Amino acid sequence: ITVDVDSDPRAAYFRQAKNGLYIRMALLKLLLVGH
């Protein structure tokens, strides 16, 4: 879904997708670095 089509301010999936990216980056760092 593009932002152009869905502009409902209550929609959380774009925010959740962005947050999920940061979570995956943090988990990957924990696995690779160990701290």
PDB file of N, CA and C in Angstrom:
ATOM      1  N   ILE A   1       0.855  -1.182   0.000  1.00  0.00           N
ATOM      2  CA  ILE A   1       0.000   0.000   0.000  1.00  0.00           C
ATOM      3  C   ILE A   1       0.894   1.236   0.000  1.00  0.00           C
ATOM      4  N   THR A   2       0.638   2.127  -0.912  1.00  0.00           N
ATOM      5  CA  THR A   2       1.423   3.359  -0.952  1.00  0.00           C
ATOM      6  C   THR A   2       0.765   4.423  -0.084  1.00  0.00           C
ATOM      7  N   VAL A   3       1.553   5.364   0.360  1.00  0.00           N
ATOM      8  CA  VAL A   3       1.036   6.455   1.187  1.00  0.00           C
ATOM      9  C   VAL A   3       0.042   7.296   0.395  1.00  0.00           C
ATOM     10  N   ASP A   4       0.231   7.393  -0.914  1.00  0.00           N
ATOM     11  CA  ASP A   4      -0.678   8.180  -1.751  1.00  0.00           C
ATOM     12  C   ASP A   4      -2.100   7.633  -1.697  1.00  0.00           C
ATOM     13  N   VAL A   5      -2.227   6.318  -1.637  1.00  0.00           N
ATOM     14  CA  VAL A   5      -3.545   5.695  -1.639  1.00  0.00           C
ATOM     15  C   VAL A   5      -4.160   5.699  -0.244  1.00  0.00           C
ATOM     16  N   ASP A   6      -3.351   5.442   0.759  1.00  0.00           N
ATOM     17  CA  ASP A   6      -3.869   5.337   2.122  1.00  0.00           C
ATOM     18  C   ASP A   6      -3.287   6.453   2.974  1.00  0.00           C
ATOM     19  N   SER A   7      -4.081   7.466   3.212  1.00  0.00           N
ATOM     20  CA  SER A   7      -3.603   8.613   3.994  1.00  0.00           C
ATOM     21  C   SER A   7      -4.310   8.714   5.341  1.00  0.00           C
ATOM     22  N   ASP A   8      -4.895   7.620   5.801  1.00  0.00           N
ATOM     23  CA  ASP A   8      -5.589   7.617   7.090  1.00  0.00           C
ATOM     24  C   ASP A   8      -4.566   7.784   8.211  1.00  0.00           C
ATOM     25  N   PRO A   9      -4.675   8.846   9.020  1.00  0.00           N
ATOM     26  CA  PRO A   9      -3.687   9.077  10.078  1.00  0.00           C
ATOM     27  C   PRO A   9      -3.720   8.016  11.178  1.00  0.00           C
ATOM     28  N   ARG A  10      -4.798   7.252  11.250  1.00  0.00           N
ATOM     29  CA  ARG A  10      -4.882   6.200  12.272  1.00  0.00           C
ATOM     30  C   ARG A  10      -4.165   4.930  11.850  1.00  0.00           C
ATOM     31  N   ALA A  11      -3.829   4.821  10.583  1.00  0.00           N
ATOM     32  CA  ALA A  11      -3.160   3.617  10.090  1.00  0.00           C
ATOM     33  C   ALA A  11      -1.763   3.526  10.688  1.00  0.00           C
ATOM     34  N   ALA A  12      -1.471   2.396  11.297  1.00  0.00           N
ATOM     35  CA  ALA A  12      -0.199   2.244  12.007  1.00  0.00           C
ATOM     36  C   ALA A  12       0.796   1.373  11.259  1.00  0.00           C
ATOM     37  N   TYR A  13       0.399   0.779  10.129  1.00  0.00           N
ATOM     38  CA  TYR A  13       1.297  -0.204   9.516  1.00  0.00           C
ATOM     39  C   TYR A  13       2.560   0.400   8.943  1.00  0.00           C
ATOM     40  N   PHE A  14       2.510   1.656   8.474  1.00  0.00           N
ATOM     41  CA  PHE A  14       3.744   2.283   7.987  1.00  0.00           C
ATOM     42  C   PHE A  14       4.703   2.519   9.154  1.00  0.00           C
ATOM     43  N   ARG A  15       4.160   2.960  10.265  1.00  0.00           N
ATOM     44  CA  ARG A  15       4.964   3.183  11.472  1.00  0.00           C
ATOM     45  C   ARG A  15       5.517   1.849  11.988  1.00  0.00           C
ATOM     46  N   GLN A  16       4.694   0.814  11.976  1.00  0.00           N
ATOM     47  CA  GLN A  16       5.125  -0.498  12.446  1.00  0.00           C
ATOM     48  C   GLN A  16       6.216  -1.074  11.550  1.00  0.00           C
ATOM     49  N   ALA A  17       6.110  -0.867  10.263  1.00  0.00           N
ATOM     50  CA  ALA A  17       7.135  -1.360   9.346  1.00  0.00           C
ATOM     51  C   ALA A  17       8.463  -0.663   9.602  1.00  0.00           C
ATOM     52  N   LYS A  18       8.415   0.631   9.855  1.00  0.00           N
ATOM     53  CA  LYS A  18       9.643   1.380  10.134  1.00  0.00           C
ATOM     54  C   LYS A  18      10.254   0.929  11.455  1.00  0.00           C
ATOM     55  N   ASN A  19       9.418   0.767  12.484  1.00  0.00           N
ATOM     56  CA  ASN A  19       9.919   0.302  13.776  1.00  0.00           C
ATOM     57  C   ASN A  19      10.485  -1.105  13.667  1.00  0.00           C
ATOM     58  N   GLY A  20       9.861  -1.941  12.864  1.00  0.00           N
ATOM     59  CA  GLY A  20      10.347  -3.308  12.669  1.00  0.00           C
ATOM     60  C   GLY A  20      11.738  -3.327  12.063  1.00  0.00           C
ATOM     61  N   LEU A  21      12.018  -2.380  11.196  1.00  0.00           N
ATOM     62  CA  LEU A  21      13.350  -2.273  10.598  1.00  0.00           C
ATOM     63  C   LEU A  21      14.391  -2.030  11.681  1.00  0.00           C
ATOM     64  N   TYR A  22      14.097  -1.111  12.599  1.00  0.00           N
ATOM     65  CA  TYR A  22      15.048  -0.805  13.675  1.00  0.00           C
ATOM     66  C   TYR A  22      15.226  -1.995  14.614  1.00  0.00           C
ATOM     67  N   ILE A  23      14.147  -2.720  14.874  1.00  0.00           N
ATOM     68  CA  ILE A  23      14.239  -3.903  15.729  1.00  0.00           C
ATOM     69  C   ILE A  23      15.124  -4.957  15.073  1.00  0.00           C
ATOM     70  N   ARG A  24      14.933  -5.184  13.774  1.00  0.00           N
ATOM     71  CA  ARG A  24      15.762  -6.175  13.075  1.00  0.00           C
ATOM     72  C   ARG A  24      17.223  -5.761  13.052  1.00  0.00           C
ATOM     73  N   MET A  25      17.479  -4.467  12.887  1.00  0.00           N
ATOM     74  CA  MET A  25      18.862  -3.983  12.903  1.00  0.00           C
ATOM     75  C   MET A  25      19.496  -4.216  14.272  1.00  0.00           C
ATOM     76  N   ALA A  26      18.748  -3.958  15.338  1.00  0.00           N
ATOM     77  CA  ALA A  26      19.267  -4.149  16.691  1.00  0.00           C
ATOM     78  C   ALA A  26      19.534  -5.627  16.968  1.00  0.00           C
ATOM     79  N   LEU A  27      18.625  -6.494  16.538  1.00  0.00           N
ATOM     80  CA  LEU A  27      18.828  -7.926  16.746  1.00  0.00           C
ATOM     81  C   LEU A  27      20.029  -8.434  15.966  1.00  0.00           C
ATOM     82  N   LEU A  28      20.190  -7.967  14.751  1.00  0.00           N
ATOM     83  CA  LEU A  28      21.338  -8.368  13.940  1.00  0.00           C
ATOM     84  C   LEU A  28      22.637  -7.924  14.591  1.00  0.00           C
ATOM     85  N   LYS A  29      22.643  -6.721  15.137  1.00  0.00           N
ATOM     86  CA  LYS A  29      23.841  -6.227  15.826  1.00  0.00           C
ATOM     87  C   LYS A  29      24.149  -7.091  17.046  1.00  0.00           C
ATOM     88  N   LEU A  30      23.114  -7.449  17.805  1.00  0.00           N
ATOM     89  CA  LEU A  30      23.325  -8.313  18.967  1.00  0.00           C
ATOM     90  C   LEU A  30      23.917  -9.658  18.561  1.00  0.00           C
ATOM     91  N   LEU A  31      23.437 -10.201  17.457  1.00  0.00           N
ATOM     92  CA  LEU A  31      23.946 -11.493  17.003  1.00  0.00           C
ATOM     93  C   LEU A  31      25.387 -11.399  16.513  1.00  0.00           C
ATOM     94  N   LEU A  32      25.715 -10.329  15.821  1.00  0.00           N
ATOM     95  CA  LEU A  32      27.050 -10.193  15.239  1.00  0.00           C
ATOM     96  C   LEU A  32      28.087  -9.702  16.236  1.00  0.00           C
ATOM     97  N   VAL A  33      27.721  -8.728  17.064  1.00  0.00           N
ATOM     98  CA  VAL A  33      28.677  -8.106  17.977  1.00  0.00           C
ATOM     99  C   VAL A  33      28.634  -8.775  19.352  1.00  0.00           C
ATOM    100  N   GLY A  34      27.447  -9.106  19.815  1.00  0.00           N
ATOM    101  CA  GLY A  34      27.310  -9.773  21.092  1.00  0.00           C
ATOM    102  C   GLY A  34      27.118  -8.861  22.283  1.00  0.00           C
ATOM    103  N   HIS A  35      26.999  -7.591  22.076  1.00  0.00           N
ATOM    104  CA  HIS A  35      26.781  -6.660  23.194  1.00  0.00           C
ATOM    105  C   HIS A  35      25.435  -6.017  23.046  1.00  0.00           C
TER     106      HIS A  35
END
